[in-house]
N, C-alpha and C. Protein backbone atom coordinates (compact mmCIF):
# COMPACT_ATOMS: atom_id res chain seq x y z
N THR A 1 -9.74 5.83 -8.44
CA THR A 1 -8.32 5.57 -8.45
C THR A 1 -7.98 4.46 -9.43
N LEU A 2 -8.74 3.38 -9.39
CA LEU A 2 -8.48 2.25 -10.30
C LEU A 2 -8.65 2.67 -11.75
N ALA A 3 -9.62 3.52 -12.04
CA ALA A 3 -9.83 3.98 -13.41
C ALA A 3 -8.61 4.77 -13.91
N ALA A 4 -7.99 5.53 -13.05
CA ALA A 4 -6.80 6.29 -13.43
C ALA A 4 -5.58 5.38 -13.59
N GLN A 5 -5.52 4.33 -12.78
CA GLN A 5 -4.39 3.41 -12.82
C GLN A 5 -4.47 2.41 -13.98
N LYS A 6 -5.68 2.05 -14.38
CA LYS A 6 -5.86 1.02 -15.40
C LYS A 6 -6.86 1.45 -16.48
N PRO A 7 -6.56 2.52 -17.20
CA PRO A 7 -7.50 2.95 -18.25
C PRO A 7 -7.56 1.93 -19.38
N GLU A 8 -8.77 1.72 -19.88
CA GLU A 8 -9.02 0.79 -21.00
C GLU A 8 -8.30 -0.54 -20.81
N HIS A 9 -8.45 -1.11 -19.62
CA HIS A 9 -7.73 -2.32 -19.24
C HIS A 9 -8.60 -3.59 -19.26
N TYR A 10 -9.89 -3.45 -19.00
CA TYR A 10 -10.75 -4.62 -18.77
C TYR A 10 -11.69 -4.91 -19.93
N ASP A 11 -11.89 -6.21 -20.19
CA ASP A 11 -12.84 -6.67 -21.21
C ASP A 11 -14.28 -6.64 -20.69
N VAL A 12 -14.44 -6.80 -19.38
CA VAL A 12 -15.76 -6.79 -18.72
C VAL A 12 -15.63 -6.00 -17.43
N VAL A 13 -16.58 -5.13 -17.18
CA VAL A 13 -16.63 -4.36 -15.93
C VAL A 13 -18.02 -4.55 -15.33
N CYS A 14 -18.06 -4.97 -14.06
CA CYS A 14 -19.34 -5.17 -13.36
C CYS A 14 -19.42 -4.21 -12.18
N CYS A 15 -20.55 -3.59 -12.05
CA CYS A 15 -20.82 -2.69 -10.93
C CYS A 15 -22.23 -3.05 -10.45
N LEU A 16 -22.30 -3.97 -9.50
CA LEU A 16 -23.57 -4.56 -9.11
C LEU A 16 -23.97 -4.17 -7.69
N GLU A 17 -25.20 -3.73 -7.56
CA GLU A 17 -25.79 -3.39 -6.25
C GLU A 17 -24.95 -2.38 -5.47
N MET A 18 -24.40 -1.39 -6.17
CA MET A 18 -23.59 -0.39 -5.53
C MET A 18 -24.05 1.03 -5.82
N LEU A 19 -24.53 1.27 -7.02
CA LEU A 19 -24.84 2.64 -7.46
C LEU A 19 -25.81 3.36 -6.53
N GLU A 20 -26.73 2.63 -5.92
CA GLU A 20 -27.72 3.26 -5.05
C GLU A 20 -27.15 3.59 -3.66
N HIS A 21 -25.85 3.35 -3.48
CA HIS A 21 -25.21 3.62 -2.19
C HIS A 21 -24.14 4.72 -2.26
N VAL A 22 -23.90 5.26 -3.44
CA VAL A 22 -22.83 6.26 -3.58
C VAL A 22 -23.42 7.65 -3.81
N PRO A 23 -22.67 8.70 -3.44
CA PRO A 23 -23.21 10.06 -3.59
C PRO A 23 -23.32 10.53 -5.04
N ASP A 24 -22.48 10.00 -5.95
CA ASP A 24 -22.50 10.45 -7.34
C ASP A 24 -22.41 9.25 -8.29
N PRO A 25 -23.54 8.59 -8.53
CA PRO A 25 -23.51 7.40 -9.39
C PRO A 25 -22.98 7.66 -10.79
N ALA A 26 -23.23 8.83 -11.34
CA ALA A 26 -22.75 9.15 -12.69
C ALA A 26 -21.23 9.09 -12.75
N SER A 27 -20.55 9.52 -11.69
CA SER A 27 -19.08 9.48 -11.69
C SER A 27 -18.57 8.04 -11.60
N VAL A 28 -19.28 7.18 -10.90
CA VAL A 28 -18.90 5.77 -10.83
C VAL A 28 -19.04 5.12 -12.20
N ILE A 29 -20.13 5.44 -12.89
CA ILE A 29 -20.34 4.90 -14.23
C ILE A 29 -19.25 5.40 -15.18
N ALA A 30 -18.90 6.67 -15.07
CA ALA A 30 -17.82 7.22 -15.91
C ALA A 30 -16.49 6.52 -15.62
N ALA A 31 -16.22 6.22 -14.35
CA ALA A 31 -14.99 5.51 -13.99
C ALA A 31 -15.00 4.09 -14.54
N CYS A 32 -16.14 3.44 -14.48
CA CYS A 32 -16.26 2.10 -15.07
C CYS A 32 -15.99 2.14 -16.57
N ALA A 33 -16.54 3.15 -17.23
CA ALA A 33 -16.33 3.31 -18.67
C ALA A 33 -14.86 3.54 -18.98
N ALA A 34 -14.19 4.32 -18.13
CA ALA A 34 -12.76 4.60 -18.35
C ALA A 34 -11.92 3.34 -18.24
N MET A 35 -12.31 2.41 -17.37
CA MET A 35 -11.56 1.17 -17.18
C MET A 35 -11.78 0.15 -18.30
N ALA A 36 -12.87 0.30 -19.03
CA ALA A 36 -13.25 -0.68 -20.04
C ALA A 36 -12.49 -0.46 -21.35
N LYS A 37 -12.06 -1.57 -21.95
CA LYS A 37 -11.45 -1.51 -23.28
C LYS A 37 -12.53 -1.18 -24.30
N PRO A 38 -12.15 -0.64 -25.45
CA PRO A 38 -13.15 -0.49 -26.53
C PRO A 38 -13.74 -1.87 -26.87
N GLY A 39 -15.05 -1.93 -26.98
CA GLY A 39 -15.75 -3.18 -27.25
C GLY A 39 -16.11 -3.97 -26.00
N ALA A 40 -15.68 -3.50 -24.83
CA ALA A 40 -15.95 -4.20 -23.58
C ALA A 40 -17.43 -4.13 -23.21
N SER A 41 -17.88 -5.13 -22.46
CA SER A 41 -19.23 -5.14 -21.89
C SER A 41 -19.17 -4.63 -20.47
N LEU A 42 -20.15 -3.83 -20.11
CA LEU A 42 -20.26 -3.32 -18.74
C LEU A 42 -21.64 -3.68 -18.21
N TYR A 43 -21.70 -4.11 -16.97
CA TYR A 43 -22.95 -4.52 -16.35
C TYR A 43 -23.18 -3.71 -15.08
N PHE A 44 -24.38 -3.18 -14.96
CA PHE A 44 -24.78 -2.40 -13.79
C PHE A 44 -26.09 -2.97 -13.25
N SER A 45 -26.23 -3.00 -11.93
CA SER A 45 -27.52 -3.35 -11.34
C SER A 45 -27.81 -2.38 -10.21
N THR A 46 -29.09 -2.11 -10.01
CA THR A 46 -29.50 -1.16 -8.98
C THR A 46 -30.99 -1.36 -8.68
N ILE A 47 -31.56 -0.41 -7.99
CA ILE A 47 -32.97 -0.47 -7.60
C ILE A 47 -33.71 0.74 -8.16
N ASN A 48 -34.86 0.49 -8.75
CA ASN A 48 -35.70 1.54 -9.32
C ASN A 48 -36.24 2.43 -8.20
N ARG A 49 -36.54 3.67 -8.52
CA ARG A 49 -37.12 4.61 -7.56
C ARG A 49 -38.59 4.81 -7.89
N ASN A 50 -39.44 4.09 -7.19
CA ASN A 50 -40.89 4.19 -7.33
C ASN A 50 -41.52 3.59 -6.07
N PRO A 51 -42.82 3.76 -5.88
CA PRO A 51 -43.46 3.23 -4.66
C PRO A 51 -43.32 1.71 -4.49
N LYS A 52 -43.41 0.95 -5.57
CA LYS A 52 -43.27 -0.51 -5.47
C LYS A 52 -41.88 -0.89 -4.97
N ALA A 53 -40.85 -0.23 -5.50
CA ALA A 53 -39.48 -0.52 -5.07
C ALA A 53 -39.30 -0.17 -3.59
N TYR A 54 -39.89 0.93 -3.15
CA TYR A 54 -39.82 1.30 -1.74
C TYR A 54 -40.45 0.20 -0.88
N ALA A 55 -41.63 -0.25 -1.30
CA ALA A 55 -42.34 -1.28 -0.55
C ALA A 55 -41.56 -2.59 -0.50
N PHE A 56 -40.99 -3.00 -1.63
CA PHE A 56 -40.30 -4.29 -1.69
C PHE A 56 -38.88 -4.23 -1.12
N ALA A 57 -38.10 -3.23 -1.53
CA ALA A 57 -36.68 -3.19 -1.17
C ALA A 57 -36.42 -2.67 0.24
N ILE A 58 -37.27 -1.78 0.70
CA ILE A 58 -37.05 -1.24 2.05
C ILE A 58 -37.99 -1.89 3.05
N ILE A 59 -39.28 -1.71 2.87
CA ILE A 59 -40.22 -2.28 3.85
C ILE A 59 -40.13 -3.80 3.86
N GLY A 60 -40.23 -4.42 2.67
CA GLY A 60 -40.20 -5.88 2.60
C GLY A 60 -38.88 -6.50 2.99
N ALA A 61 -37.80 -6.08 2.32
CA ALA A 61 -36.49 -6.72 2.53
C ALA A 61 -35.85 -6.35 3.87
N GLU A 62 -36.03 -5.10 4.31
CA GLU A 62 -35.35 -4.66 5.53
C GLU A 62 -36.19 -4.84 6.79
N TYR A 63 -37.51 -4.66 6.69
CA TYR A 63 -38.33 -4.65 7.90
C TYR A 63 -39.21 -5.89 8.07
N VAL A 64 -39.72 -6.45 6.97
CA VAL A 64 -40.61 -7.61 7.09
C VAL A 64 -39.82 -8.92 7.04
N LEU A 65 -39.03 -9.10 5.98
CA LEU A 65 -38.30 -10.35 5.79
C LEU A 65 -36.93 -10.37 6.46
N ASN A 66 -36.45 -9.20 6.89
CA ASN A 66 -35.13 -9.08 7.52
C ASN A 66 -34.02 -9.69 6.68
N LEU A 67 -34.09 -9.48 5.36
CA LEU A 67 -33.04 -9.97 4.46
C LEU A 67 -31.81 -9.08 4.53
N LEU A 68 -32.01 -7.81 4.89
CA LEU A 68 -30.94 -6.83 4.97
C LEU A 68 -31.08 -6.05 6.27
N PRO A 69 -29.98 -5.51 6.77
CA PRO A 69 -30.10 -4.67 7.97
C PRO A 69 -30.96 -3.44 7.70
N ARG A 70 -31.74 -3.05 8.67
CA ARG A 70 -32.55 -1.84 8.55
C ARG A 70 -31.67 -0.64 8.30
N GLY A 71 -32.10 0.20 7.36
CA GLY A 71 -31.32 1.38 7.03
C GLY A 71 -30.31 1.16 5.92
N THR A 72 -30.26 -0.04 5.35
CA THR A 72 -29.32 -0.32 4.27
C THR A 72 -29.56 0.60 3.09
N HIS A 73 -30.83 0.85 2.77
CA HIS A 73 -31.16 1.64 1.59
C HIS A 73 -31.77 2.98 1.95
N ASP A 74 -31.50 3.95 1.10
CA ASP A 74 -32.10 5.28 1.18
C ASP A 74 -32.92 5.46 -0.10
N TYR A 75 -34.21 5.57 0.04
CA TYR A 75 -35.09 5.65 -1.13
C TYR A 75 -34.67 6.75 -2.09
N GLN A 76 -34.22 7.87 -1.59
CA GLN A 76 -33.83 8.99 -2.45
C GLN A 76 -32.65 8.65 -3.36
N LYS A 77 -31.89 7.64 -3.01
CA LYS A 77 -30.73 7.23 -3.82
C LYS A 77 -31.07 6.15 -4.84
N PHE A 78 -32.29 5.64 -4.81
CA PHE A 78 -32.70 4.68 -5.83
C PHE A 78 -32.67 5.37 -7.18
N ILE A 79 -32.52 4.60 -8.26
CA ILE A 79 -32.24 5.16 -9.58
C ILE A 79 -33.25 4.66 -10.60
N ARG A 80 -33.94 5.58 -11.22
CA ARG A 80 -34.87 5.22 -12.29
C ARG A 80 -34.09 4.74 -13.51
N PRO A 81 -34.64 3.80 -14.27
CA PRO A 81 -33.95 3.32 -15.47
C PRO A 81 -33.58 4.44 -16.44
N SER A 82 -34.43 5.44 -16.56
CA SER A 82 -34.12 6.56 -17.46
C SER A 82 -32.90 7.34 -16.99
N GLU A 83 -32.73 7.48 -15.68
CA GLU A 83 -31.55 8.17 -15.14
C GLU A 83 -30.28 7.36 -15.42
N LEU A 84 -30.35 6.06 -15.17
CA LEU A 84 -29.19 5.20 -15.43
C LEU A 84 -28.82 5.22 -16.90
N ALA A 85 -29.82 5.14 -17.76
CA ALA A 85 -29.56 5.17 -19.21
C ALA A 85 -28.90 6.48 -19.61
N SER A 86 -29.33 7.57 -19.04
CA SER A 86 -28.74 8.87 -19.35
C SER A 86 -27.28 8.94 -18.92
N TRP A 87 -26.97 8.45 -17.73
CA TRP A 87 -25.59 8.45 -17.24
C TRP A 87 -24.71 7.53 -18.08
N ILE A 88 -25.27 6.43 -18.52
CA ILE A 88 -24.53 5.49 -19.37
C ILE A 88 -24.16 6.17 -20.69
N ARG A 89 -25.12 6.85 -21.30
CA ARG A 89 -24.85 7.57 -22.56
C ARG A 89 -23.84 8.69 -22.34
N ALA A 90 -23.96 9.40 -21.23
CA ALA A 90 -23.04 10.51 -20.94
C ALA A 90 -21.60 10.01 -20.75
N ALA A 91 -21.45 8.75 -20.34
CA ALA A 91 -20.12 8.16 -20.16
C ALA A 91 -19.56 7.61 -21.46
N GLY A 92 -20.29 7.79 -22.56
CA GLY A 92 -19.82 7.31 -23.86
C GLY A 92 -20.10 5.85 -24.12
N LEU A 93 -21.04 5.29 -23.37
CA LEU A 93 -21.40 3.88 -23.53
C LEU A 93 -22.71 3.76 -24.29
N GLN A 94 -22.92 2.58 -24.84
CA GLN A 94 -24.17 2.29 -25.55
C GLN A 94 -24.96 1.26 -24.74
N LEU A 95 -26.18 1.61 -24.37
CA LEU A 95 -27.04 0.69 -23.64
C LEU A 95 -27.49 -0.43 -24.57
N GLN A 96 -27.26 -1.67 -24.16
CA GLN A 96 -27.58 -2.82 -25.00
C GLN A 96 -28.84 -3.56 -24.54
N GLY A 97 -29.13 -3.53 -23.26
CA GLY A 97 -30.29 -4.26 -22.77
C GLY A 97 -30.53 -4.00 -21.31
N MET A 98 -31.77 -4.29 -20.90
CA MET A 98 -32.18 -4.10 -19.51
C MET A 98 -33.11 -5.24 -19.14
N THR A 99 -32.94 -5.76 -17.92
CA THR A 99 -33.83 -6.81 -17.44
C THR A 99 -34.06 -6.64 -15.95
N GLY A 100 -35.20 -7.10 -15.50
CA GLY A 100 -35.52 -7.03 -14.09
C GLY A 100 -35.08 -8.28 -13.36
N LEU A 101 -34.85 -8.13 -12.06
CA LEU A 101 -34.59 -9.26 -11.17
C LEU A 101 -35.77 -9.32 -10.22
N VAL A 102 -36.52 -10.39 -10.29
CA VAL A 102 -37.74 -10.52 -9.51
C VAL A 102 -37.52 -11.57 -8.43
N TYR A 103 -37.80 -11.20 -7.18
CA TYR A 103 -37.59 -12.09 -6.04
C TYR A 103 -38.89 -12.73 -5.61
N ASN A 104 -38.84 -14.03 -5.35
CA ASN A 104 -39.99 -14.77 -4.83
C ASN A 104 -39.68 -15.11 -3.37
N PRO A 105 -40.35 -14.46 -2.40
CA PRO A 105 -40.03 -14.71 -0.99
C PRO A 105 -40.41 -16.11 -0.51
N ILE A 106 -41.29 -16.78 -1.22
CA ILE A 106 -41.68 -18.14 -0.82
C ILE A 106 -40.58 -19.14 -1.17
N THR A 107 -40.08 -19.06 -2.42
CA THR A 107 -39.02 -19.97 -2.84
C THR A 107 -37.63 -19.43 -2.52
N LYS A 108 -37.56 -18.14 -2.16
CA LYS A 108 -36.31 -17.46 -1.87
C LYS A 108 -35.36 -17.50 -3.07
N ARG A 109 -35.93 -17.31 -4.26
CA ARG A 109 -35.14 -17.32 -5.48
C ARG A 109 -35.44 -16.08 -6.32
N TYR A 110 -34.40 -15.64 -7.01
CA TYR A 110 -34.54 -14.56 -7.98
C TYR A 110 -34.66 -15.16 -9.37
N ARG A 111 -35.32 -14.44 -10.26
CA ARG A 111 -35.34 -14.81 -11.67
C ARG A 111 -35.29 -13.54 -12.49
N LEU A 112 -34.79 -13.67 -13.71
CA LEU A 112 -34.74 -12.53 -14.62
C LEU A 112 -36.08 -12.38 -15.32
N ASN A 113 -36.51 -11.13 -15.52
CA ASN A 113 -37.77 -10.86 -16.20
C ASN A 113 -37.62 -9.55 -16.96
N GLU A 114 -37.46 -9.64 -18.28
CA GLU A 114 -37.24 -8.45 -19.10
C GLU A 114 -38.38 -7.45 -19.03
N SER A 115 -39.57 -7.91 -18.71
CA SER A 115 -40.72 -7.00 -18.72
C SER A 115 -41.03 -6.39 -17.34
N ASP A 116 -40.18 -6.66 -16.33
CA ASP A 116 -40.44 -6.11 -15.00
C ASP A 116 -39.17 -5.53 -14.38
N VAL A 117 -38.93 -4.26 -14.63
CA VAL A 117 -37.79 -3.55 -14.04
C VAL A 117 -38.27 -2.64 -12.90
N SER A 118 -39.40 -2.99 -12.31
CA SER A 118 -40.03 -2.11 -11.32
C SER A 118 -39.30 -2.06 -9.98
N VAL A 119 -38.49 -3.06 -9.65
CA VAL A 119 -37.76 -3.03 -8.38
C VAL A 119 -36.26 -3.15 -8.70
N ASN A 120 -35.72 -4.33 -8.65
CA ASN A 120 -34.31 -4.53 -9.00
C ASN A 120 -34.18 -4.71 -10.50
N TYR A 121 -33.12 -4.16 -11.07
CA TYR A 121 -32.90 -4.34 -12.51
C TYR A 121 -31.42 -4.26 -12.85
N MET A 122 -31.08 -4.84 -13.99
CA MET A 122 -29.71 -4.88 -14.48
C MET A 122 -29.68 -4.33 -15.90
N VAL A 123 -28.55 -3.74 -16.27
CA VAL A 123 -28.37 -3.30 -17.64
C VAL A 123 -27.01 -3.77 -18.15
N ARG A 124 -26.95 -3.93 -19.46
CA ARG A 124 -25.69 -4.21 -20.14
C ARG A 124 -25.42 -3.05 -21.08
N ALA A 125 -24.19 -2.57 -21.03
CA ALA A 125 -23.76 -1.51 -21.92
C ALA A 125 -22.46 -1.96 -22.59
N VAL A 126 -22.13 -1.31 -23.70
CA VAL A 126 -20.91 -1.62 -24.44
C VAL A 126 -20.17 -0.32 -24.67
N LYS A 127 -18.84 -0.40 -24.54
CA LYS A 127 -18.00 0.75 -24.86
C LYS A 127 -17.69 0.69 -26.36
N ALA A 128 -18.03 1.74 -27.07
CA ALA A 128 -17.84 1.78 -28.53
C ALA A 128 -16.36 1.78 -28.87
């Protein structure tokens, strides 16, 4: 609805920690692209779909550390970086960069790590 009401309205569009919870992530990305002005930056974050992400994001975060309510995530809705990149291109955006978010349960802090997108990761795209 917002994309229809405010086309090419925003200089920056952020869609963080949501794509893995919706039935059609590609349509959300397309809506974000529609809201962005030409030259705008768009930021997306989500969770990779692989065994490590299952272990960390579901078993670790939901069942061991109790950081999130049990059942928050559905592994089948996790998104591989290649899938996200494909949806970004299909929406007419250019992928500019990707970085991982790595959590340390001892210090309870996240840090960015460009070489580790195995669990949580973020991307930056630009609308041409």
